[in-house]
Each structure stands twice: as C-alpha cells, then as structure tokens.
Amino acid sequence: MRSLVLCVLCMQVTVGSAPRPDPGDDAGTFLGQAQRLHKAGRTDDALAELKQAATAFPESPRPLVAMATLLLEARREPEAVQILQQAAELHRQHPHLADSDDTTEGFGVA
C-alpha cells in the first residue's frame, strides 16, 4: 500500500504537466552537480546539493522530486513521502506548466 501511495505522489509531480524551468531558475546547475555526485556513489553529498537547490529555488519542485527519488532509493520512505508532498503542492501552484519535462532525468524518475 505504501508503495502505491509513493507511486501516486510521484505521478502527481512528474507525469502529465510538469513545470517548465523558469528562465531565471538555475536549479538545473544544482541538479547536474547532484546527479554527478550520485553517480560517483556520494548520495549524501548529492542530497546536500539538492537541499541547497530547494533552498535557493523554493518555487521549483524539481530539486524536491530529485531529492525524494534519492531518498526512496536509500529506502528512506517517510522522508521521501514528505518531500514528494511538498513537490506535489508546488507543482499545483507553479505558474508555468508544459506537457512534459526532463528535470529528473538521471535520477530514475520517468
């Protein structure tokens, strides 16, 4: 049941109409660095980078989705659920919506 809830929350954030990055949103720089850290096996450092991104760009759900993905991978489900709920709320409020977005590519999110 918990996995179903997590899947539904992920779908709310990533499927359908994910927010397009704002021109002034440079969260992608943080996401790229976090992805490199993650691929190097430095998950804690990647999470720290994503937390910085979430702080620097509080209007963007992108760092939160990536953070939740890493938390799920680390089997830290309660934290991931909380982060996904925050991201889903931001997604509903985001002013720029598109049909799809690749903002979580490389973090295992479709």
PDB file of N, CA and C in Angstrom:
ATOM      1  N   MET A   1       0.821  -1.194   0.000  1.00  0.00           N
ATOM      2  CA  MET A   1       0.000   0.000   0.000  1.00  0.00           C
ATOM      3  C   MET A   1       0.870   1.264   0.000  1.00  0.00           C
ATOM      4  N   ARG A   2       1.907   1.255   0.821  1.00  0.00           N
ATOM      5  CA  ARG A   2       2.784   2.419   0.900  1.00  0.00           C
ATOM      6  C   ARG A   2       3.436   2.705  -0.453  1.00  0.00           C
ATOM      7  N   SER A   3       3.833   1.628  -1.169  1.00  0.00           N
ATOM      8  CA  SER A   3       4.432   1.805  -2.494  1.00  0.00           C
ATOM      9  C   SER A   3       3.445   2.431  -3.459  1.00  0.00           C
ATOM     10  N   LEU A   4       2.181   2.044  -3.347  1.00  0.00           N
ATOM     11  CA  LEU A   4       1.150   2.628  -4.202  1.00  0.00           C
ATOM     12  C   LEU A   4       1.019   4.124  -3.931  1.00  0.00           C
ATOM     13  N   VAL A   5       1.035   4.511  -2.678  1.00  0.00           N
ATOM     14  CA  VAL A   5       0.950   5.930  -2.317  1.00  0.00           C
ATOM     15  C   VAL A   5       2.143   6.683  -2.892  1.00  0.00           C
ATOM     16  N   LEU A   6       3.328   6.112  -2.769  1.00  0.00           N
ATOM     17  CA  LEU A   6       4.521   6.761  -3.308  1.00  0.00           C
ATOM     18  C   LEU A   6       4.436   6.913  -4.816  1.00  0.00           C
ATOM     19  N   CYS A   7       3.942   5.880  -5.489  1.00  0.00           N
ATOM     20  CA  CYS A   7       3.797   5.959  -6.949  1.00  0.00           C
ATOM     21  C   CYS A   7       2.807   7.046  -7.342  1.00  0.00           C
ATOM     22  N   VAL A   8       1.702   7.137  -6.633  1.00  0.00           N
ATOM     23  CA  VAL A   8       0.701   8.160  -6.933  1.00  0.00           C
ATOM     24  C   VAL A   8       1.290   9.551  -6.724  1.00  0.00           C
ATOM     25  N   LEU A   9       2.011   9.738  -5.639  1.00  0.00           N
ATOM     26  CA  LEU A   9       2.633  11.034  -5.389  1.00  0.00           C
ATOM     27  C   LEU A   9       3.649  11.372  -6.470  1.00  0.00           C
ATOM     28  N   CYS A  10       4.459  10.386  -6.875  1.00  0.00           N
ATOM     29  CA  CYS A  10       5.426  10.630  -7.952  1.00  0.00           C
ATOM     30  C   CYS A  10       4.713  11.021  -9.234  1.00  0.00           C
ATOM     31  N   MET A  11       3.631  10.349  -9.534  1.00  0.00           N
ATOM     32  CA  MET A  11       2.891  10.646 -10.759  1.00  0.00           C
ATOM     33  C   MET A  11       2.292  12.040 -10.709  1.00  0.00           C
ATOM     34  N   GLN A  12       1.826  12.469  -9.551  1.00  0.00           N
ATOM     35  CA  GLN A  12       1.265  13.807  -9.426  1.00  0.00           C
ATOM     36  C   GLN A  12       2.293  14.862  -9.789  1.00  0.00           C
ATOM     37  N   VAL A  13       3.545  14.588  -9.486  1.00  0.00           N
ATOM     38  CA  VAL A  13       4.599  15.564  -9.703  1.00  0.00           C
ATOM     39  C   VAL A  13       5.208  15.451 -11.089  1.00  0.00           C
ATOM     40  N   THR A  14       5.411  14.231 -11.592  1.00  0.00           N
ATOM     41  CA  THR A  14       6.230  14.060 -12.788  1.00  0.00           C
ATOM     42  C   THR A  14       5.472  13.759 -14.063  1.00  0.00           C
ATOM     43  N   VAL A  15       4.252  13.288 -14.001  1.00  0.00           N
ATOM     44  CA  VAL A  15       3.537  12.890 -15.210  1.00  0.00           C
ATOM     45  C   VAL A  15       2.514  13.950 -15.579  1.00  0.00           C
ATOM     46  N   GLY A  16       2.306  14.094 -16.862  1.00  0.00           N
ATOM     47  CA  GLY A  16       1.258  14.985 -17.334  1.00  0.00           C
ATOM     48  C   GLY A  16       1.753  16.362 -17.654  1.00  0.00           C
ATOM     49  N   SER A  17       1.822  17.211 -16.656  1.00  0.00           N
ATOM     50  CA  SER A  17       2.205  18.599 -16.928  1.00  0.00           C
ATOM     51  C   SER A  17       3.174  19.103 -15.875  1.00  0.00           C
ATOM     52  N   ALA A  18       4.388  18.652 -15.977  1.00  0.00           N
ATOM     53  CA  ALA A  18       5.422  19.082 -15.032  1.00  0.00           C
ATOM     54  C   ALA A  18       5.830  20.514 -15.334  1.00  0.00           C
ATOM     55  N   PRO A  19       6.219  21.261 -14.320  1.00  0.00           N
ATOM     56  CA  PRO A  19       6.592  22.654 -14.534  1.00  0.00           C
ATOM     57  C   PRO A  19       7.834  22.812 -15.399  1.00  0.00           C
ATOM     58  N   ARG A  20       7.773  23.757 -16.269  1.00  0.00           N
ATOM     59  CA  ARG A  20       8.905  24.134 -17.107  1.00  0.00           C
ATOM     60  C   ARG A  20       9.826  25.012 -16.277  1.00  0.00           C
ATOM     61  N   PRO A  21      11.125  24.831 -16.406  1.00  0.00           N
ATOM     62  CA  PRO A  21      12.003  25.713 -15.624  1.00  0.00           C
ATOM     63  C   PRO A  21      11.825  27.165 -16.042  1.00  0.00           C
ATOM     64  N   ASP A  22      11.782  28.042 -15.077  1.00  0.00           N
ATOM     65  CA  ASP A  22      11.721  29.471 -15.366  1.00  0.00           C
ATOM     66  C   ASP A  22      13.059  29.910 -15.945  1.00  0.00           C
ATOM     67  N   PRO A  23      13.070  30.931 -16.804  1.00  0.00           N
ATOM     68  CA  PRO A  23      14.339  31.406 -17.342  1.00  0.00           C
ATOM     69  C   PRO A  23      15.335  31.785 -16.251  1.00  0.00           C
ATOM     70  N   GLY A  24      14.851  32.313 -15.128  1.00  0.00           N
ATOM     71  CA  GLY A  24      15.742  32.697 -14.040  1.00  0.00           C
ATOM     72  C   GLY A  24      16.033  31.566 -13.067  1.00  0.00           C
ATOM     73  N   ASP A  25      15.469  30.395 -13.306  1.00  0.00           N
ATOM     74  CA  ASP A  25      15.634  29.244 -12.428  1.00  0.00           C
ATOM     75  C   ASP A  25      16.889  28.494 -12.832  1.00  0.00           C
ATOM     76  N   ASP A  26      17.923  28.585 -12.015  1.00  0.00           N
ATOM     77  CA  ASP A  26      19.164  27.894 -12.314  1.00  0.00           C
ATOM     78  C   ASP A  26      19.305  26.651 -11.454  1.00  0.00           C
ATOM     79  N   ALA A  27      18.176  26.075 -11.041  1.00  0.00           N
ATOM     80  CA  ALA A  27      18.215  24.859 -10.235  1.00  0.00           C
ATOM     81  C   ALA A  27      18.887  23.730 -11.002  1.00  0.00           C
ATOM     82  N   GLY A  28      18.858  23.815 -12.329  1.00  0.00           N
ATOM     83  CA  GLY A  28      19.490  22.788 -13.148  1.00  0.00           C
ATOM     84  C   GLY A  28      20.969  22.629 -12.860  1.00  0.00           C
ATOM     85  N   THR A  29      21.638  23.699 -12.493  1.00  0.00           N
ATOM     86  CA  THR A  29      23.055  23.622 -12.139  1.00  0.00           C
ATOM     87  C   THR A  29      23.240  22.733 -10.916  1.00  0.00           C
ATOM     88  N   PHE A  30      22.401  22.935  -9.900  1.00  0.00           N
ATOM     89  CA  PHE A  30      22.449  22.105  -8.696  1.00  0.00           C
ATOM     90  C   PHE A  30      22.099  20.655  -9.033  1.00  0.00           C
ATOM     91  N   LEU A  31      21.067  20.481  -9.873  1.00  0.00           N
ATOM     92  CA  LEU A  31      20.636  19.131 -10.232  1.00  0.00           C
ATOM     93  C   LEU A  31      21.744  18.379 -10.955  1.00  0.00           C
ATOM     94  N   GLY A  32      22.436  19.062 -11.863  1.00  0.00           N
ATOM     95  CA  GLY A  32      23.535  18.423 -12.572  1.00  0.00           C
ATOM     96  C   GLY A  32      24.645  17.990 -11.636  1.00  0.00           C
ATOM     97  N   GLN A  33      24.992  18.863 -10.702  1.00  0.00           N
ATOM     98  CA  GLN A  33      26.034  18.526  -9.723  1.00  0.00           C
ATOM     99  C   GLN A  33      25.567  17.372  -8.838  1.00  0.00           C
ATOM    100  N   ALA A  34      24.322  17.395  -8.415  1.00  0.00           N
ATOM    101  CA  ALA A  34      23.797  16.313  -7.576  1.00  0.00           C
ATOM    102  C   ALA A  34      23.812  14.991  -8.331  1.00  0.00           C
ATOM    103  N   GLN A  35      23.481  15.038  -9.601  1.00  0.00           N
ATOM    104  CA  GLN A  35      23.495  13.814 -10.413  1.00  0.00           C
ATOM    105  C   GLN A  35      24.923  13.258 -10.511  1.00  0.00           C
ATOM    106  N   ARG A  36      25.896  14.127 -10.733  1.00  0.00           N
ATOM    107  CA  ARG A  36      27.295  13.679 -10.800  1.00  0.00           C
ATOM    108  C   ARG A  36      27.734  13.055  -9.464  1.00  0.00           C
ATOM    109  N   LEU A  37      27.366  13.693  -8.368  1.00  0.00           N
ATOM    110  CA  LEU A  37      27.708  13.159  -7.054  1.00  0.00           C
ATOM    111  C   LEU A  37      27.055  11.798  -6.828  1.00  0.00           C
ATOM    112  N   HIS A  38      25.798  11.687  -7.208  1.00  0.00           N
ATOM    113  CA  HIS A  38      25.075  10.425  -7.046  1.00  0.00           C
ATOM    114  C   HIS A  38      25.729   9.310  -7.854  1.00  0.00           C
ATOM    115  N   LYS A  39      26.063   9.610  -9.097  1.00  0.00           N
ATOM    116  CA  LYS A  39      26.709   8.601  -9.954  1.00  0.00           C
ATOM    117  C   LYS A  39      28.073   8.184  -9.403  1.00  0.00           C
ATOM    118  N   ALA A  40      28.719   9.074  -8.665  1.00  0.00           N
ATOM    119  CA  ALA A  40      30.014   8.767  -8.054  1.00  0.00           C
ATOM    120  C   ALA A  40      29.851   8.033  -6.720  1.00  0.00           C
ATOM    121  N   GLY A  41      28.604   7.718  -6.358  1.00  0.00           N
ATOM    122  CA  GLY A  41      28.351   6.993  -5.119  1.00  0.00           C
ATOM    123  C   GLY A  41      28.308   7.872  -3.885  1.00  0.00           C
ATOM    124  N   ARG A  42      28.200   9.158  -4.084  1.00  0.00           N
ATOM    125  CA  ARG A  42      28.189  10.114  -2.969  1.00  0.00           C
ATOM    126  C   ARG A  42      26.762  10.631  -2.738  1.00  0.00           C
ATOM    127  N   THR A  43      25.901   9.715  -2.351  1.00  0.00           N
ATOM    128  CA  THR A  43      24.482  10.038  -2.210  1.00  0.00           C
ATOM    129  C   THR A  43      24.230  11.114  -1.169  1.00  0.00           C
ATOM    130  N   ASP A  44      24.908  11.060  -0.041  1.00  0.00           N
ATOM    131  CA  ASP A  44      24.695  12.083   0.993  1.00  0.00           C
ATOM    132  C   ASP A  44      25.075  13.473   0.478  1.00  0.00           C
ATOM    133  N   ASP A  45      26.165  13.538  -0.283  1.00  0.00           N
ATOM    134  CA  ASP A  45      26.571  14.819  -0.870  1.00  0.00           C
ATOM    135  C   ASP A  45      25.561  15.280  -1.920  1.00  0.00           C
ATOM    136  N   ALA A  46      25.025  14.326  -2.678  1.00  0.00           N
ATOM    137  CA  ALA A  46      24.007  14.661  -3.677  1.00  0.00           C
ATOM    138  C   ALA A  46      22.760  15.216  -2.992  1.00  0.00           C
ATOM    139  N   LEU A  47      22.351  14.594  -1.898  1.00  0.00           N
ATOM    140  CA  LEU A  47      21.196  15.092  -1.147  1.00  0.00           C
ATOM    141  C   LEU A  47      21.463  16.493  -0.593  1.00  0.00           C
ATOM    142  N   ALA A  48      22.668  16.732  -0.119  1.00  0.00           N
ATOM    143  CA  ALA A  48      23.015  18.066   0.397  1.00  0.00           C
ATOM    144  C   ALA A  48      22.931  19.101  -0.724  1.00  0.00           C
ATOM    145  N   GLU A  49      23.388  18.744  -1.913  1.00  0.00           N
ATOM    146  CA  GLU A  49      23.319  19.648  -3.061  1.00  0.00           C
ATOM    147  C   GLU A  49      21.865  19.949  -3.418  1.00  0.00           C
ATOM    148  N   LEU A  50      21.027  18.925  -3.373  1.00  0.00           N
ATOM    149  CA  LEU A  50      19.607  19.114  -3.682  1.00  0.00           C
ATOM    150  C   LEU A  50      18.902  19.954  -2.619  1.00  0.00           C
ATOM    151  N   LYS A  51      19.308  19.808  -1.376  1.00  0.00           N
ATOM    152  CA  LYS A  51      18.746  20.660  -0.320  1.00  0.00           C
ATOM    153  C   LYS A  51      19.107  22.117  -0.558  1.00  0.00           C
ATOM    154  N   GLN A  52      20.351  22.355  -1.003  1.00  0.00           N
ATOM    155  CA  GLN A  52      20.753  23.719  -1.340  1.00  0.00           C
ATOM    156  C   GLN A  52      19.900  24.257  -2.486  1.00  0.00           C
ATOM    157  N   ALA A  53      19.651  23.415  -3.471  1.00  0.00           N
ATOM    158  CA  ALA A  53      18.821  23.831  -4.610  1.00  0.00           C
ATOM    159  C   ALA A  53      17.409  24.161  -4.151  1.00  0.00           C
ATOM    160  N   ALA A  54      16.848  23.336  -3.283  1.00  0.00           N
ATOM    161  CA  ALA A  54      15.490  23.571  -2.788  1.00  0.00           C
ATOM    162  C   ALA A  54      15.414  24.872  -1.990  1.00  0.00           C
ATOM    163  N   THR A  55      16.488  25.187  -1.267  1.00  0.00           N
ATOM    164  CA  THR A  55      16.540  26.437  -0.515  1.00  0.00           C
ATOM    165  C   THR A  55      16.712  27.636  -1.443  1.00  0.00           C
ATOM    166  N   ALA A  56      17.585  27.483  -2.431  1.00  0.00           N
ATOM    167  CA  ALA A  56      17.860  28.582  -3.361  1.00  0.00           C
ATOM    168  C   ALA A  56      16.690  28.852  -4.307  1.00  0.00           C
ATOM    169  N   PHE A  57      15.924  27.815  -4.627  1.00  0.00           N
ATOM    170  CA  PHE A  57      14.806  27.939  -5.566  1.00  0.00           C
ATOM    171  C   PHE A  57      13.550  27.333  -4.950  1.00  0.00           C
ATOM    172  N   PRO A  58      12.991  27.987  -3.927  1.00  0.00           N
ATOM    173  CA  PRO A  58      11.846  27.421  -3.199  1.00  0.00           C
ATOM    174  C   PRO A  58      10.582  27.284  -4.034  1.00  0.00           C
ATOM    175  N   GLU A  59      10.512  27.941  -5.166  1.00  0.00           N
ATOM    176  CA  GLU A  59       9.334  27.847  -6.027  1.00  0.00           C
ATOM    177  C   GLU A  59       9.406  26.654  -6.977  1.00  0.00           C
ATOM    178  N   SER A  60      10.563  26.036  -7.081  1.00  0.00           N
ATOM    179  CA  SER A  60      10.756  24.940  -8.037  1.00  0.00           C
ATOM    180  C   SER A  60      10.597  23.584  -7.362  1.00  0.00           C
ATOM    181  N   PRO A  61       9.729  22.731  -7.894  1.00  0.00           N
ATOM    182  CA  PRO A  61       9.608  21.381  -7.347  1.00  0.00           C
ATOM    183  C   PRO A  61      10.713  20.435  -7.817  1.00  0.00           C
ATOM    184  N   ARG A  62      11.489  20.843  -8.809  1.00  0.00           N
ATOM    185  CA  ARG A  62      12.498  19.957  -9.405  1.00  0.00           C
ATOM    186  C   ARG A  62      13.504  19.401  -8.402  1.00  0.00           C
ATOM    187  N   PRO A  63      14.101  20.222  -7.548  1.00  0.00           N
ATOM    188  CA  PRO A  63      15.052  19.646  -6.581  1.00  0.00           C
ATOM    189  C   PRO A  63      14.375  18.699  -5.591  1.00  0.00           C
ATOM    190  N   LEU A  64      13.136  18.995  -5.255  1.00  0.00           N
ATOM    191  CA  LEU A  64      12.415  18.145  -4.309  1.00  0.00           C
ATOM    192  C   LEU A  64      12.136  16.769  -4.903  1.00  0.00           C
ATOM    193  N   VAL A  65      11.755  16.730  -6.169  1.00  0.00           N
ATOM    194  CA  VAL A  65      11.479  15.447  -6.824  1.00  0.00           C
ATOM    195  C   VAL A  65      12.759  14.615  -6.886  1.00  0.00           C
ATOM    196  N   ALA A  66      13.860  15.243  -7.259  1.00  0.00           N
ATOM    197  CA  ALA A  66      15.136  14.524  -7.318  1.00  0.00           C
ATOM    198  C   ALA A  66      15.543  14.041  -5.925  1.00  0.00           C
ATOM    199  N   MET A  67      15.343  14.890  -4.914  1.00  0.00           N
ATOM    200  CA  MET A  67      15.685  14.525  -3.544  1.00  0.00           C
ATOM    201  C   MET A  67      14.849  13.329  -3.082  1.00  0.00           C
ATOM    202  N   ALA A  68      13.559  13.368  -3.355  1.00  0.00           N
ATOM    203  CA  ALA A  68      12.679  12.265  -2.961  1.00  0.00           C
ATOM    204  C   ALA A  68      13.074  10.973  -3.658  1.00  0.00           C
ATOM    205  N   THR A  69      13.481  11.077  -4.909  1.00  0.00           N
ATOM    206  CA  THR A  69      13.906   9.899  -5.654  1.00  0.00           C
ATOM    207  C   THR A  69      15.114   9.257  -4.994  1.00  0.00           C
ATOM    208  N   LEU A  70      16.087  10.070  -4.601  1.00  0.00           N
ATOM    209  CA  LEU A  70      17.270   9.529  -3.929  1.00  0.00           C
ATOM    210  C   LEU A  70      16.908   8.945  -2.563  1.00  0.00           C
ATOM    211  N   LEU A  71      15.995   9.596  -1.869  1.00  0.00           N
ATOM    212  CA  LEU A  71      15.564   9.083  -0.569  1.00  0.00           C
ATOM    213  C   LEU A  71      14.857   7.737  -0.711  1.00  0.00           C
ATOM    214  N   LEU A  72      14.035   7.596  -1.742  1.00  0.00           N
ATOM    215  CA  LEU A  72      13.369   6.314  -1.981  1.00  0.00           C
ATOM    216  C   LEU A  72      14.390   5.232  -2.296  1.00  0.00           C
ATOM    217  N   GLU A  73      15.363   5.577  -3.108  1.00  0.00           N
ATOM    218  CA  GLU A  73      16.418   4.635  -3.455  1.00  0.00           C
ATOM    219  C   GLU A  73      17.166   4.187  -2.205  1.00  0.00           C
ATOM    220  N   ALA A  74      17.328   5.089  -1.251  1.00  0.00           N
ATOM    221  CA  ALA A  74      18.021   4.786   0.008  1.00  0.00           C
ATOM    222  C   ALA A  74      17.085   4.149   1.037  1.00  0.00           C
ATOM    223  N   ARG A  75      15.871   3.840   0.616  1.00  0.00           N
ATOM    224  CA  ARG A  75      14.862   3.207   1.486  1.00  0.00           C
ATOM    225  C   ARG A  75      14.471   4.093   2.668  1.00  0.00           C
ATOM    226  N   ARG A  76      14.470   5.386   2.444  1.00  0.00           N
ATOM    227  CA  ARG A  76      14.062   6.361   3.475  1.00  0.00           C
ATOM    228  C   ARG A  76      12.685   6.895   3.098  1.00  0.00           C
ATOM    229  N   GLU A  77      11.712   5.969   3.077  1.00  0.00           N
ATOM    230  CA  GLU A  77      10.377   6.274   2.580  1.00  0.00           C
ATOM    231  C   GLU A  77       9.654   7.398   3.308  1.00  0.00           C
ATOM    232  N   PRO A  78       9.655   7.442   4.644  1.00  0.00           N
ATOM    233  CA  PRO A  78       8.926   8.532   5.305  1.00  0.00           C
ATOM    234  C   PRO A  78       9.411   9.920   4.877  1.00  0.00           C
ATOM    235  N   GLU A  79      10.734  10.079   4.759  1.00  0.00           N
ATOM    236  CA  GLU A  79      11.274  11.364   4.315  1.00  0.00           C
ATOM    237  C   GLU A  79      10.881  11.646   2.866  1.00  0.00           C
ATOM    238  N   ALA A  80      10.933  10.602   2.037  1.00  0.00           N
ATOM    239  CA  ALA A  80      10.587  10.762   0.622  1.00  0.00           C
ATOM    240  C   ALA A  80       9.135  11.173   0.455  1.00  0.00           C
ATOM    241  N   VAL A  81       8.246  10.572   1.232  1.00  0.00           N
ATOM    242  CA  VAL A  81       6.822  10.919   1.143  1.00  0.00           C
ATOM    243  C   VAL A  81       6.610  12.386   1.490  1.00  0.00           C
ATOM    244  N   GLN A  82       7.244  12.845   2.543  1.00  0.00           N
ATOM    245  CA  GLN A  82       7.112  14.242   2.954  1.00  0.00           C
ATOM    246  C   GLN A  82       7.605  15.182   1.848  1.00  0.00           C
ATOM    247  N   ILE A  83       8.752  14.878   1.266  1.00  0.00           N
ATOM    248  CA  ILE A  83       9.320  15.706   0.207  1.00  0.00           C
ATOM    249  C   ILE A  83       8.429  15.680  -1.028  1.00  0.00           C
ATOM    250  N   LEU A  84       7.904  14.507  -1.389  1.00  0.00           N
ATOM    251  CA  LEU A  84       7.022  14.412  -2.560  1.00  0.00           C
ATOM    252  C   LEU A  84       5.729  15.202  -2.352  1.00  0.00           C
ATOM    253  N   GLN A  85       5.235  15.208  -1.148  1.00  0.00           N
ATOM    254  CA  GLN A  85       4.036  16.001  -0.873  1.00  0.00           C
ATOM    255  C   GLN A  85       4.320  17.484  -1.065  1.00  0.00           C
ATOM    256  N   GLN A  86       5.490  17.946  -0.621  1.00  0.00           N
ATOM    257  CA  GLN A  86       5.870  19.346  -0.842  1.00  0.00           C
ATOM    258  C   GLN A  86       5.989  19.639  -2.336  1.00  0.00           C
ATOM    259  N   ALA A  87       6.614  18.731  -3.074  1.00  0.00           N
ATOM    260  CA  ALA A  87       6.784  18.919  -4.514  1.00  0.00           C
ATOM    261  C   ALA A  87       5.444  18.926  -5.230  1.00  0.00           C
ATOM    262  N   ALA A  88       4.535  18.047  -4.825  1.00  0.00           N
ATOM    263  CA  ALA A  88       3.212  17.999  -5.453  1.00  0.00           C
ATOM    264  C   ALA A  88       2.465  19.311  -5.224  1.00  0.00           C
ATOM    265  N   GLU A  89       2.597  19.875  -4.045  1.00  0.00           N
ATOM    266  CA  GLU A  89       1.944  21.158  -3.753  1.00  0.00           C
ATOM    267  C   GLU A  89       2.545  22.273  -4.612  1.00  0.00           C
ATOM    268  N   LEU A  90       3.854  22.299  -4.727  1.00  0.00           N
ATOM    269  CA  LEU A  90       4.500  23.304  -5.582  1.00  0.00           C
ATOM    270  C   LEU A  90       4.071  23.132  -7.031  1.00  0.00           C
ATOM    271  N   HIS A  91       3.965  21.883  -7.471  1.00  0.00           N
ATOM    272  CA  HIS A  91       3.562  21.598  -8.848  1.00  0.00           C
ATOM    273  C   HIS A  91       2.179  22.179  -9.138  1.00  0.00           C
ATOM    274  N   ARG A  92       1.269  22.007  -8.200  1.00  0.00           N
ATOM    275  CA  ARG A  92      -0.090  22.538  -8.388  1.00  0.00           C
ATOM    276  C   ARG A  92      -0.095  24.056  -8.459  1.00  0.00           C
ATOM    277  N   GLN A  93       0.856  24.695  -7.804  1.00  0.00           N
ATOM    278  CA  GLN A  93       0.889  26.153  -7.731  1.00  0.00           C
ATOM    279  C   GLN A  93       1.805  26.786  -8.785  1.00  0.00           C
ATOM    280  N   HIS A  94       2.570  25.971  -9.515  1.00  0.00           N
ATOM    281  CA  HIS A  94       3.582  26.507 -10.428  1.00  0.00           C
ATOM    282  C   HIS A  94       2.931  27.271 -11.584  1.00  0.00           C
ATOM    283  N   PRO A  95       3.401  28.492 -11.894  1.00  0.00           N
ATOM    284  CA  PRO A  95       2.774  29.322 -12.918  1.00  0.00           C
ATOM    285  C   PRO A  95       3.052  28.896 -14.357  1.00  0.00           C
ATOM    286  N   HIS A  96       4.108  28.117 -14.590  1.00  0.00           N
ATOM    287  CA  HIS A  96       4.473  27.733 -15.950  1.00  0.00           C
ATOM    288  C   HIS A  96       4.371  26.225 -16.098  1.00  0.00           C
ATOM    289  N   LEU A  97       3.335  25.754 -16.781  1.00  0.00           N
ATOM    290  CA  LEU A  97       3.160  24.324 -16.965  1.00  0.00           C
ATOM    291  C   LEU A  97       3.354  23.956 -18.423  1.00  0.00           C
ATOM    292  N   ALA A  98       3.977  22.810 -18.669  1.00  0.00           N
ATOM    293  CA  ALA A  98       4.185  22.289 -20.016  1.00  0.00           C
ATOM    294  C   ALA A  98       3.643  20.864 -20.060  1.00  0.00           C
ATOM    295  N   ASP A  99       3.718  20.247 -21.228  1.00  0.00           N
ATOM    296  CA  ASP A  99       3.242  18.876 -21.365  1.00  0.00           C
ATOM    297  C   ASP A  99       4.149  17.877 -20.657  1.00  0.00           C
ATOM    298  N   SER A 100       5.431  18.107 -20.703  1.00  0.00           N
ATOM    299  CA  SER A 100       6.364  17.209 -20.015  1.00  0.00           C
ATOM    300  C   SER A 100       7.667  17.945 -19.751  1.00  0.00           C
ATOM    301  N   ASP A 101       8.524  17.290 -18.949  1.00  0.00           N
ATOM    302  CA  ASP A 101       9.771  17.923 -18.557  1.00  0.00           C
ATOM    303  C   ASP A 101      10.769  16.837 -18.196  1.00  0.00           C
ATOM    304  N   ASP A 102      12.034  17.030 -18.502  1.00  0.00           N
ATOM    305  CA  ASP A 102      13.066  16.043 -18.216  1.00  0.00           C
ATOM    306  C   ASP A 102      13.873  16.411 -16.982  1.00  0.00           C
ATOM    307  N   THR A 103      13.297  17.143 -16.057  1.00  0.00           N
ATOM    308  CA  THR A 103      14.073  17.696 -14.943  1.00  0.00           C
ATOM    309  C   THR A 103      14.618  16.639 -13.995  1.00  0.00           C
ATOM    310  N   THR A 104      14.049  15.435 -14.010  1.00  0.00           N
ATOM    311  CA  THR A 104      14.529  14.416 -13.087  1.00  0.00           C
ATOM    312  C   THR A 104      15.284  13.327 -13.821  1.00  0.00           C
ATOM    313  N   GLU A 105      15.569  13.507 -15.091  1.00  0.00           N
ATOM    314  CA  GLU A 105      16.308  12.508 -15.846  1.00  0.00           C
ATOM    315  C   GLU A 105      17.633  12.236 -15.152  1.00  0.00           C
ATOM    316  N   GLY A 106      17.957  10.972 -15.056  1.00  0.00           N
ATOM    317  CA  GLY A 106      19.199  10.595 -14.388  1.00  0.00           C
ATOM    318  C   GLY A 106      18.996  10.231 -12.944  1.00  0.00           C
ATOM    319  N   PHE A 107      17.819  10.498 -12.410  1.00  0.00           N
ATOM    320  CA  PHE A 107      17.525  10.134 -11.026  1.00  0.00           C
ATOM    321  C   PHE A 107      16.500   9.003 -10.964  1.00  0.00           C
ATOM    322  N   GLY A 108      16.255   8.330 -12.085  1.00  0.00           N
ATOM    323  CA  GLY A 108      15.385   7.178 -12.093  1.00  0.00           C
ATOM    324  C   GLY A 108      13.904   7.485 -12.143  1.00  0.00           C
ATOM    325  N   VAL A 109      13.517   8.713 -12.384  1.00  0.00           N
ATOM    326  CA  VAL A 109      12.107   9.074 -12.457  1.00  0.00           C
ATOM    327  C   VAL A 109      11.719   9.155 -13.909  1.00  0.00           C
ATOM    328  N   ALA A 110      10.616   8.503 -14.259  1.00  0.00           N
ATOM    329  CA  ALA A 110      10.167   8.522 -15.660  1.00  0.00           C
ATOM    330  C   ALA A 110       9.447   9.798 -15.986  1.00  0.00           C
TER     331      ALA A 110
END
